Amino acid sequence: METLKKEAIKIIAQLPETADIDDMMYELYVLDKVNKGREAVKYGKSISSEELKKEIQTW
């Protein structure tokens, strides 16, 4: 598995030369959210889509 720094550099390097700081920050934000989601699944801190549907119905 790549280190976070290597992942970030790889993502930024794939952006077009015209990318601005907002583009870079967005891509890093998405990377962070994906990594946190994977970690949550790994440690059983997520819910199934069926559980989510039931929860939404109570709103």
PDB file of N, CA and C in Angstrom:
ATOM      1  N   MET A   1       0.839  -1.179   0.000  1.00  0.00           N
ATOM      2  CA  MET A   1       0.000   0.000   0.000  1.00  0.00           C
ATOM      3  C   MET A   1       0.886   1.244   0.000  1.00  0.00           C
ATOM      4  N   GLU A   2       0.492   2.215  -0.770  1.00  0.00           N
ATOM      5  CA  GLU A   2       1.232   3.463  -0.857  1.00  0.00           C
ATOM      6  C   GLU A   2       1.043   4.297   0.405  1.00  0.00           C
ATOM      7  N   THR A   3       2.040   5.100   0.702  1.00  0.00           N
ATOM      8  CA  THR A   3       1.887   6.030   1.816  1.00  0.00           C
ATOM      9  C   THR A   3       0.933   7.139   1.379  1.00  0.00           C
ATOM     10  N   LEU A   4       0.371   7.814   2.350  1.00  0.00           N
ATOM     11  CA  LEU A   4      -0.561   8.905   2.054  1.00  0.00           C
ATOM     12  C   LEU A   4       0.115   9.972   1.203  1.00  0.00           C
ATOM     13  N   LYS A   5       1.357  10.285   1.529  1.00  0.00           N
ATOM     14  CA  LYS A   5       2.085  11.309   0.776  1.00  0.00           C
ATOM     15  C   LYS A   5       2.236  10.901  -0.685  1.00  0.00           C
ATOM     16  N   LYS A   6       2.579   9.638  -0.926  1.00  0.00           N
ATOM     17  CA  LYS A   6       2.732   9.162  -2.302  1.00  0.00           C
ATOM     18  C   LYS A   6       1.408   9.187  -3.045  1.00  0.00           C
ATOM     19  N   GLU A   7       0.326   8.812  -2.359  1.00  0.00           N
ATOM     20  CA  GLU A   7      -1.000   8.866  -2.978  1.00  0.00           C
ATOM     21  C   GLU A   7      -1.359  10.299  -3.370  1.00  0.00           C
ATOM     22  N   ALA A   8      -1.087  11.238  -2.462  1.00  0.00           N
ATOM     23  CA  ALA A   8      -1.410  12.649  -2.723  1.00  0.00           C
ATOM     24  C   ALA A   8      -0.605  13.179  -3.898  1.00  0.00           C
ATOM     25  N   ILE A   9       0.678  12.867  -3.947  1.00  0.00           N
ATOM     26  CA  ILE A   9       1.534  13.321  -5.046  1.00  0.00           C
ATOM     27  C   ILE A   9       1.047  12.733  -6.372  1.00  0.00           C
ATOM     28  N   LYS A  10       0.678  11.467  -6.355  1.00  0.00           N
ATOM     29  CA  LYS A  10       0.191  10.799  -7.574  1.00  0.00           C
ATOM     30  C   LYS A  10      -1.090  11.476  -8.078  1.00  0.00           C
ATOM     31  N   ILE A  11      -2.007  11.769  -7.174  1.00  0.00           N
ATOM     32  CA  ILE A  11      -3.272  12.398  -7.554  1.00  0.00           C
ATOM     33  C   ILE A  11      -3.032  13.794  -8.115  1.00  0.00           C
ATOM     34  N   ILE A  12      -2.199  14.567  -7.432  1.00  0.00           N
ATOM     35  CA  ILE A  12      -1.918  15.928  -7.896  1.00  0.00           C
ATOM     36  C   ILE A  12      -1.211  15.897  -9.248  1.00  0.00           C
ATOM     37  N   ALA A  13      -0.300  14.950  -9.440  1.00  0.00           N
ATOM     38  CA  ALA A  13       0.430  14.849 -10.703  1.00  0.00           C
ATOM     39  C   ALA A  13      -0.503  14.531 -11.879  1.00  0.00           C
ATOM     40  N   GLN A  14      -1.629  13.875 -11.608  1.00  0.00           N
ATOM     41  CA  GLN A  14      -2.573  13.515 -12.672  1.00  0.00           C
ATOM     42  C   GLN A  14      -3.485  14.674 -13.074  1.00  0.00           C
ATOM     43  N   LEU A  15      -3.501  15.729 -12.279  1.00  0.00           N
ATOM     44  CA  LEU A  15      -4.343  16.881 -12.608  1.00  0.00           C
ATOM     45  C   LEU A  15      -3.755  17.630 -13.804  1.00  0.00           C
ATOM     46  N   PRO A  16      -4.607  18.304 -14.556  1.00  0.00           N
ATOM     47  CA  PRO A  16      -4.090  19.090 -15.684  1.00  0.00           C
ATOM     48  C   PRO A  16      -3.235  20.259 -15.185  1.00  0.00           C
ATOM     49  N   GLU A  17      -2.374  20.743 -16.045  1.00  0.00           N
ATOM     50  CA  GLU A  17      -1.497  21.860 -15.684  1.00  0.00           C
ATOM     51  C   GLU A  17      -2.283  23.111 -15.308  1.00  0.00           C
ATOM     52  N   THR A  18      -3.505  23.195 -15.766  1.00  0.00           N
ATOM     53  CA  THR A  18      -4.336  24.363 -15.474  1.00  0.00           C
ATOM     54  C   THR A  18      -5.051  24.261 -14.125  1.00  0.00           C
ATOM     55  N   ALA A  19      -4.839  23.159 -13.406  1.00  0.00           N
ATOM     56  CA  ALA A  19      -5.512  22.969 -12.117  1.00  0.00           C
ATOM     57  C   ALA A  19      -5.075  24.045 -11.139  1.00  0.00           C
ATOM     58  N   ASP A  20      -6.035  24.501 -10.341  1.00  0.00           N
ATOM     59  CA  ASP A  20      -5.706  25.496  -9.323  1.00  0.00           C
ATOM     60  C   ASP A  20      -5.718  24.841  -7.949  1.00  0.00           C
ATOM     61  N   ILE A  21      -5.450  25.620  -6.934  1.00  0.00           N
ATOM     62  CA  ILE A  21      -5.365  25.087  -5.584  1.00  0.00           C
ATOM     63  C   ILE A  21      -6.687  24.464  -5.137  1.00  0.00           C
ATOM     64  N   ASP A  22      -7.807  25.018  -5.590  1.00  0.00           N
ATOM     65  CA  ASP A  22      -9.108  24.445  -5.230  1.00  0.00           C
ATOM     66  C   ASP A  22      -9.273  23.043  -5.813  1.00  0.00           C
ATOM     67  N   ASP A  23      -8.804  22.840  -7.048  1.00  0.00           N
ATOM     68  CA  ASP A  23      -8.855  21.514  -7.662  1.00  0.00           C
ATOM     69  C   ASP A  23      -8.021  20.521  -6.855  1.00  0.00           C
ATOM     70  N   MET A  24      -6.845  20.949  -6.462  1.00  0.00           N
ATOM     71  CA  MET A  24      -5.954  20.080  -5.690  1.00  0.00           C
ATOM     72  C   MET A  24      -6.559  19.744  -4.334  1.00  0.00           C
ATOM     73  N   MET A  25      -7.090  20.755  -3.668  1.00  0.00           N
ATOM     74  CA  MET A  25      -7.689  20.541  -2.354  1.00  0.00           C
ATOM     75  C   MET A  25      -8.893  19.606  -2.439  1.00  0.00           C
ATOM     76  N   TYR A  26      -9.690  19.753  -3.488  1.00  0.00           N
ATOM     77  CA  TYR A  26     -10.849  18.864  -3.661  1.00  0.00           C
ATOM     78  C   TYR A  26     -10.401  17.418  -3.824  1.00  0.00           C
ATOM     79  N   GLU A  27      -9.406  17.203  -4.671  1.00  0.00           N
ATOM     80  CA  GLU A  27      -8.922  15.835  -4.896  1.00  0.00           C
ATOM     81  C   GLU A  27      -8.359  15.232  -3.616  1.00  0.00           C
ATOM     82  N   LEU A  28      -7.653  16.027  -2.824  1.00  0.00           N
ATOM     83  CA  LEU A  28      -7.116  15.534  -1.558  1.00  0.00           C
ATOM     84  C   LEU A  28      -8.237  15.266  -0.558  1.00  0.00           C
ATOM     85  N   TYR A  29      -9.272  16.091  -0.592  1.00  0.00           N
ATOM     86  CA  TYR A  29     -10.448  15.880   0.262  1.00  0.00           C
ATOM     87  C   TYR A  29     -11.115  14.540  -0.077  1.00  0.00           C
ATOM     88  N   VAL A  30     -11.286  14.278  -1.361  1.00  0.00           N
ATOM     89  CA  VAL A  30     -11.903  13.019  -1.793  1.00  0.00           C
ATOM     90  C   VAL A  30     -11.027  11.839  -1.365  1.00  0.00           C
ATOM     91  N   LEU A  31      -9.723  11.955  -1.552  1.00  0.00           N
ATOM     92  CA  LEU A  31      -8.802  10.902  -1.123  1.00  0.00           C
ATOM     93  C   LEU A  31      -8.974  10.618   0.367  1.00  0.00           C
ATOM     94  N   ASP A  32      -9.050  11.660   1.173  1.00  0.00           N
ATOM     95  CA  ASP A  32      -9.221  11.501   2.612  1.00  0.00           C
ATOM     96  C   ASP A  32     -10.528  10.789   2.941  1.00  0.00           C
ATOM     97  N   LYS A  33     -11.613  11.196   2.298  1.00  0.00           N
ATOM     98  CA  LYS A  33     -12.915  10.584   2.580  1.00  0.00           C
ATOM     99  C   LYS A  33     -12.953   9.116   2.165  1.00  0.00           C
ATOM    100  N   VAL A  34     -12.344   8.796   1.025  1.00  0.00           N
ATOM    101  CA  VAL A  34     -12.294   7.393   0.576  1.00  0.00           C
ATOM    102  C   VAL A  34     -11.487   6.562   1.570  1.00  0.00           C
ATOM    103  N   ASN A  35     -10.342   7.075   1.997  1.00  0.00           N
ATOM    104  CA  ASN A  35      -9.516   6.341   2.959  1.00  0.00           C
ATOM    105  C   ASN A  35     -10.242   6.140   4.282  1.00  0.00           C
ATOM    106  N   LYS A  36     -10.937   7.163   4.750  1.00  0.00           N
ATOM    107  CA  LYS A  36     -11.688   7.032   5.999  1.00  0.00           C
ATOM    108  C   LYS A  36     -12.837   6.039   5.852  1.00  0.00           C
ATOM    109  N   GLY A  37     -13.474   6.018   4.693  1.00  0.00           N
ATOM    110  CA  GLY A  37     -14.543   5.055   4.442  1.00  0.00           C
ATOM    111  C   GLY A  37     -14.024   3.627   4.432  1.00  0.00           C
ATOM    112  N   ARG A  38     -12.903   3.416   3.793  1.00  0.00           N
ATOM    113  CA  ARG A  38     -12.295   2.078   3.769  1.00  0.00           C
ATOM    114  C   ARG A  38     -11.913   1.623   5.171  1.00  0.00           C
ATOM    115  N   GLU A  39     -11.385   2.547   5.958  1.00  0.00           N
ATOM    116  CA  GLU A  39     -11.013   2.229   7.334  1.00  0.00           C
ATOM    117  C   GLU A  39     -12.247   1.877   8.160  1.00  0.00           C
ATOM    118  N   ALA A  40     -13.330   2.611   7.973  1.00  0.00           N
ATOM    119  CA  ALA A  40     -14.574   2.334   8.702  1.00  0.00           C
ATOM    120  C   ALA A  40     -15.097   0.942   8.369  1.00  0.00           C
ATOM    121  N   VAL A  41     -15.053   0.576   7.098  1.00  0.00           N
ATOM    122  CA  VAL A  41     -15.504  -0.757   6.688  1.00  0.00           C
ATOM    123  C   VAL A  41     -14.605  -1.821   7.303  1.00  0.00           C
ATOM    124  N   LYS A  42     -13.317  -1.576   7.257  1.00  0.00           N
ATOM    125  CA  LYS A  42     -12.340  -2.543   7.790  1.00  0.00           C
ATOM    126  C   LYS A  42     -12.596  -2.843   9.267  1.00  0.00           C
ATOM    127  N   TYR A  43     -12.972  -1.822  10.031  1.00  0.00           N
ATOM    128  CA  TYR A  43     -13.171  -1.991  11.467  1.00  0.00           C
ATOM    129  C   TYR A  43     -14.636  -2.153  11.857  1.00  0.00           C
ATOM    130  N   GLY A  44     -15.493  -2.420  10.873  1.00  0.00           N
ATOM    131  CA  GLY A  44     -16.894  -2.689  11.160  1.00  0.00           C
ATOM    132  C   GLY A  44     -17.676  -1.478  11.637  1.00  0.00           C
ATOM    133  N   LYS A  45     -17.250  -0.287  11.260  1.00  0.00           N
ATOM    134  CA  LYS A  45     -17.923   0.936  11.689  1.00  0.00           C
ATOM    135  C   LYS A  45     -18.812   1.501  10.588  1.00  0.00           C
ATOM    136  N   SER A  46     -19.378   0.621   9.797  1.00  0.00           N
ATOM    137  CA  SER A  46     -20.268   1.061   8.723  1.00  0.00           C
ATOM    138  C   SER A  46     -21.583   0.302   8.834  1.00  0.00           C
ATOM    139  N   ILE A  47     -22.567   0.751   8.077  1.00  0.00           N
ATOM    140  CA  ILE A  47     -23.849   0.067   8.067  1.00  0.00           C
ATOM    141  C   ILE A  47     -24.166  -0.344   6.633  1.00  0.00           C
ATOM    142  N   SER A  48     -25.014  -1.326   6.502  1.00  0.00           N
ATOM    143  CA  SER A  48     -25.391  -1.807   5.176  1.00  0.00           C
ATOM    144  C   SER A  48     -26.354  -0.823   4.518  1.00  0.00           C
ATOM    145  N   SER A  49     -26.539  -0.978   3.223  1.00  0.00           N
ATOM    146  CA  SER A  49     -27.477  -0.098   2.518  1.00  0.00           C
ATOM    147  C   SER A  49     -28.898  -0.325   3.017  1.00  0.00           C
ATOM    148  N   GLU A  50     -29.218  -1.547   3.383  1.00  0.00           N
ATOM    149  CA  GLU A  50     -30.561  -1.835   3.913  1.00  0.00           C
ATOM    150  C   GLU A  50     -30.780  -1.119   5.248  1.00  0.00           C
ATOM    151  N   GLU A  51     -29.752  -1.141   6.111  1.00  0.00           N
ATOM    152  CA  GLU A  51     -29.864  -0.436   7.390  1.00  0.00           C
ATOM    153  C   GLU A  51     -30.018   1.070   7.168  1.00  0.00           C
ATOM    154  N   LEU A  52     -29.309   1.582   6.192  1.00  0.00           N
ATOM    155  CA  LEU A  52     -29.407   3.002   5.878  1.00  0.00           C
ATOM    156  C   LEU A  52     -30.799   3.364   5.373  1.00  0.00           C
ATOM    157  N   LYS A  53     -31.356   2.512   4.516  1.00  0.00           N
ATOM    158  CA  LYS A  53     -32.712   2.770   4.009  1.00  0.00           C
ATOM    159  C   LYS A  53     -33.714   2.820   5.146  1.00  0.00           C
ATOM    160  N   LYS A  54     -33.590   1.891   6.103  1.00  0.00           N
ATOM    161  CA  LYS A  54     -34.498   1.890   7.255  1.00  0.00           C
ATOM    162  C   LYS A  54     -34.322   3.159   8.085  1.00  0.00           C
ATOM    163  N   GLU A  55     -33.090   3.577   8.258  1.00  0.00           N
ATOM    164  CA  GLU A  55     -32.815   4.794   9.026  1.00  0.00           C
ATOM    165  C   GLU A  55     -33.418   6.014   8.353  1.00  0.00           C
ATOM    166  N   ILE A  56     -33.278   6.102   7.043  1.00  0.00           N
ATOM    167  CA  ILE A  56     -33.809   7.243   6.289  1.00  0.00           C
ATOM    168  C   ILE A  56     -35.323   7.320   6.421  1.00  0.00           C
ATOM    169  N   GLN A  57     -35.989   6.183   6.460  1.00  0.00           N
ATOM    170  CA  GLN A  57     -37.452   6.172   6.577  1.00  0.00           C
ATOM    171  C   GLN A  57     -37.933   6.775   7.899  1.00  0.00           C
ATOM    172  N   THR A  58     -37.071   6.813   8.898  1.00  0.00           N
ATOM    173  CA  THR A  58     -37.466   7.381  10.198  1.00  0.00           C
ATOM    174  C   THR A  58     -37.297   8.886  10.230  1.00  0.00           C
ATOM    175  N   TRP A  59     -36.733   9.495   9.206  1.00  0.00           N
ATOM    176  CA  TRP A  59     -36.492  10.945   9.182  1.00  0.00           C
ATOM    177  C   TRP A  59     -37.767  11.675   8.999  1.00  0.00           C
TER     178      TRP A  59
END
